[in-house]
Amino acid sequence: MASGALRVERDPGFWQAVAAHPAVAPLIGGSLAPEALTAFVLRQDVLPLASVHGGYLFAARDPLGFACELHTLFTPEGWGREALEAAVIAFNAVFLAGYQIVFTFEQQANRRSQPPLSFGFRCAGDWRATPYGAMRAWTLTASAWRESPVSRKRVKQCH
């Protein structure tokens, strides 16, 4: 599979292996226990899109399908180009599916958890204490994605 190719991956073993990677496990700080991760990826309201070394988990957060929550999970081999190429495909798919807003969380202790501004993500508020350390929310709307430098560049490459 090419690094930017995606598949729907409901095998909990795949996601557990990514979460258990020695470079990843300390970053998620126990927020994804194996049994919780298994239940999460098997839910029908979760779209688990995987690449070679990880992927994106989108969970519906309203009954009408307007909003979803994003979780990103890649091993170091997938950080960088693979994650970027997979993200472009994933966000196009999610917004084509009808979602209008994606939200995610940044952990203050994990610099890799900040979503890319070039995608159109905007910070939604200040840091606050949570059971997983200080966090803040980020949002990406369908319109911000379409107007983002990454999305516009991708469209130009397709023509």
Protein backbone atom coordinates (compact mmCIF):
# COMPACT_ATOMS: atom_id res chain seq x y z
CA MET A 1 0.00 0.00 0.00
CA ALA A 2 1.32 3.45 -0.89
CA SER A 3 1.98 5.69 2.10
CA GLY A 4 -0.92 8.02 1.22
CA ALA A 5 -3.42 5.23 0.51
CA LEU A 6 -6.14 4.65 3.10
CA ARG A 7 -8.38 1.78 4.05
CA VAL A 8 -11.15 1.34 6.58
CA GLU A 9 -9.43 -0.65 9.33
CA ARG A 10 -11.58 -2.21 12.04
CA ASP A 11 -8.98 -4.72 13.23
CA PRO A 12 -8.34 -3.71 16.85
CA GLY A 13 -4.94 -5.42 16.70
CA PHE A 14 -3.70 -2.90 14.13
CA TRP A 15 -4.68 0.09 16.27
CA GLN A 16 -3.45 -1.52 19.49
CA ALA A 17 -0.04 -2.14 17.91
CA VAL A 18 0.20 1.53 16.91
CA ALA A 19 -0.91 2.72 20.37
CA ALA A 20 1.52 0.33 22.09
CA HIS A 21 4.55 1.46 20.06
CA PRO A 22 7.26 2.63 22.51
CA ALA A 23 7.35 6.12 20.94
CA VAL A 24 3.55 6.48 20.94
CA ALA A 25 2.38 4.97 24.25
CA PRO A 26 3.95 7.70 26.44
CA LEU A 27 2.39 10.41 24.25
CA ILE A 28 -1.16 9.16 24.71
CA GLY A 29 -0.57 8.67 28.42
CA GLY A 30 -2.92 5.78 28.91
CA SER A 31 -5.88 7.61 27.40
CA LEU A 32 -6.32 4.73 24.94
CA ALA A 33 -6.35 1.52 26.95
CA PRO A 34 -6.36 -1.56 24.67
CA GLU A 35 -9.88 -2.63 25.64
CA ALA A 36 -11.26 0.89 25.13
CA LEU A 37 -9.51 1.17 21.77
CA THR A 38 -10.99 -2.16 20.67
CA ALA A 39 -14.51 -1.06 21.53
CA PHE A 40 -13.92 2.32 19.87
CA VAL A 41 -12.75 1.06 16.44
CA LEU A 42 -15.58 -1.49 16.27
CA ARG A 43 -18.32 1.11 16.76
CA GLN A 44 -20.38 1.83 13.66
CA ASP A 45 -20.29 5.58 14.32
CA VAL A 46 -16.48 5.55 14.07
CA LEU A 47 -14.68 5.74 10.73
CA PRO A 48 -11.18 4.26 11.27
CA LEU A 49 -9.05 5.24 8.25
CA ALA A 50 -5.64 3.57 8.26
CA SER A 51 -2.46 3.99 6.29
CA VAL A 52 0.67 1.86 6.60
CA HIS A 53 1.84 3.09 10.03
CA GLY A 54 -1.32 4.41 11.65
CA GLY A 55 -4.22 6.59 10.71
CA TYR A 56 -7.19 8.68 11.69
CA LEU A 57 -10.23 7.79 13.77
CA PHE A 58 -13.32 9.94 13.14
CA ALA A 59 -16.20 9.52 15.61
CA ALA A 60 -19.63 11.00 14.90
CA ARG A 61 -20.65 13.37 17.68
CA ASP A 62 -24.18 14.35 16.76
CA PRO A 63 -27.13 12.30 15.49
CA LEU A 64 -27.49 14.35 12.29
CA GLY A 65 -23.92 13.83 11.08
CA PHE A 66 -22.68 17.41 11.19
CA ALA A 67 -19.79 17.02 13.67
CA CYS A 68 -17.12 14.42 14.29
CA GLU A 69 -14.22 14.05 16.68
CA LEU A 70 -10.76 13.26 15.30
CA HIS A 71 -8.07 11.12 16.88
CA THR A 72 -4.69 10.75 15.13
CA LEU A 73 -2.52 7.72 15.80
CA PHE A 74 0.74 7.04 13.91
CA THR A 75 4.02 5.34 14.78
CA PRO A 76 7.20 7.37 14.10
CA GLU A 77 7.59 5.67 10.71
CA GLY A 78 4.35 7.36 9.65
CA TRP A 79 5.07 10.82 11.06
CA GLY A 80 5.58 13.40 8.37
CA ARG A 81 4.83 12.64 4.72
CA GLU A 82 2.67 9.53 5.29
CA ALA A 83 0.49 11.27 7.88
CA LEU A 84 0.16 14.38 5.68
CA GLU A 85 -0.81 12.48 2.53
CA ALA A 86 -3.24 10.32 4.47
CA ALA A 87 -4.75 13.40 6.15
CA VAL A 88 -5.56 15.06 2.83
CA ILE A 89 -7.40 11.94 1.70
CA ALA A 90 -9.10 11.50 5.08
CA PHE A 91 -10.39 15.08 5.33
CA ASN A 92 -11.64 15.05 1.75
CA ALA A 93 -13.52 11.83 2.53
CA VAL A 94 -14.99 13.10 5.80
CA PHE A 95 -16.23 16.35 4.32
CA LEU A 96 -17.56 14.62 1.19
CA ALA A 97 -19.49 12.33 3.56
CA GLY A 98 -21.38 15.41 4.78
CA TYR A 99 -19.63 16.37 7.99
CA GLN A 100 -19.34 20.13 8.42
CA ILE A 101 -17.03 20.33 11.41
CA VAL A 102 -14.21 18.21 12.81
CA PHE A 103 -12.87 18.82 16.27
CA THR A 104 -9.84 17.43 18.01
CA PHE A 105 -7.78 17.99 21.14
CA GLU A 106 -4.21 19.11 21.67
CA GLN A 107 -2.29 17.89 24.72
CA GLN A 108 0.06 20.52 26.08
CA ALA A 109 2.65 17.83 26.86
CA ASN A 110 2.56 16.41 23.30
CA ARG A 111 3.71 18.90 20.68
CA ARG A 112 2.72 16.49 17.89
CA SER A 113 -0.93 16.68 18.92
CA GLN A 114 -1.44 20.22 17.55
CA PRO A 115 -3.34 19.98 14.27
CA PRO A 116 -1.90 21.72 11.20
CA LEU A 117 -2.88 25.35 10.71
CA SER A 118 -2.33 24.91 6.95
CA PHE A 119 -5.40 22.64 6.90
CA GLY A 120 -7.60 25.43 8.29
CA PHE A 121 -7.71 24.28 11.92
CA ARG A 122 -8.43 27.00 14.47
CA CYS A 123 -7.88 26.93 18.20
CA ALA A 124 -11.23 26.94 20.01
CA GLY A 125 -10.10 28.03 23.47
CA ASP A 126 -7.53 28.09 26.21
CA TRP A 127 -5.69 25.26 27.94
CA ARG A 128 -7.59 23.54 30.70
CA ALA A 129 -6.89 20.70 33.09
CA THR A 130 -8.21 17.24 32.16
CA PRO A 131 -7.53 13.71 33.45
CA TYR A 132 -5.03 13.45 30.52
CA GLY A 133 -3.14 16.66 31.33
CA ALA A 134 -3.70 20.18 30.04
CA MET A 135 -5.62 20.19 26.76
CA ARG A 136 -7.38 22.55 24.40
CA ALA A 137 -9.81 22.02 21.53
CA TRP A 138 -9.31 22.75 17.84
CA THR A 139 -11.92 22.89 15.08
CA LEU A 140 -11.88 22.50 11.31
CA THR A 141 -14.96 23.42 9.29
CA ALA A 142 -15.69 22.12 5.82
CA SER A 143 -15.47 25.65 4.43
CA ALA A 144 -12.11 26.31 6.16
CA TRP A 145 -10.79 23.02 4.73
CA ARG A 146 -11.88 23.95 1.18
CA GLU A 147 -10.17 27.34 1.52
CA SER A 148 -7.00 26.00 3.16
CA PRO A 149 -3.64 26.12 1.36
CA VAL A 150 -3.37 22.32 1.52
CA SER A 151 -6.81 21.69 0.02
CA ARG A 152 -6.39 24.33 -2.71
CA LYS A 153 -2.96 22.99 -3.65
CA ARG A 154 -4.40 19.49 -3.92
CA VAL A 155 -7.19 20.71 -6.24
CA LYS A 156 -4.68 22.49 -8.49
CA GLN A 157 -2.61 19.29 -8.77
CA CYS A 158 -5.69 17.36 -9.92
CA HIS A 159 -6.39 19.60 -12.91
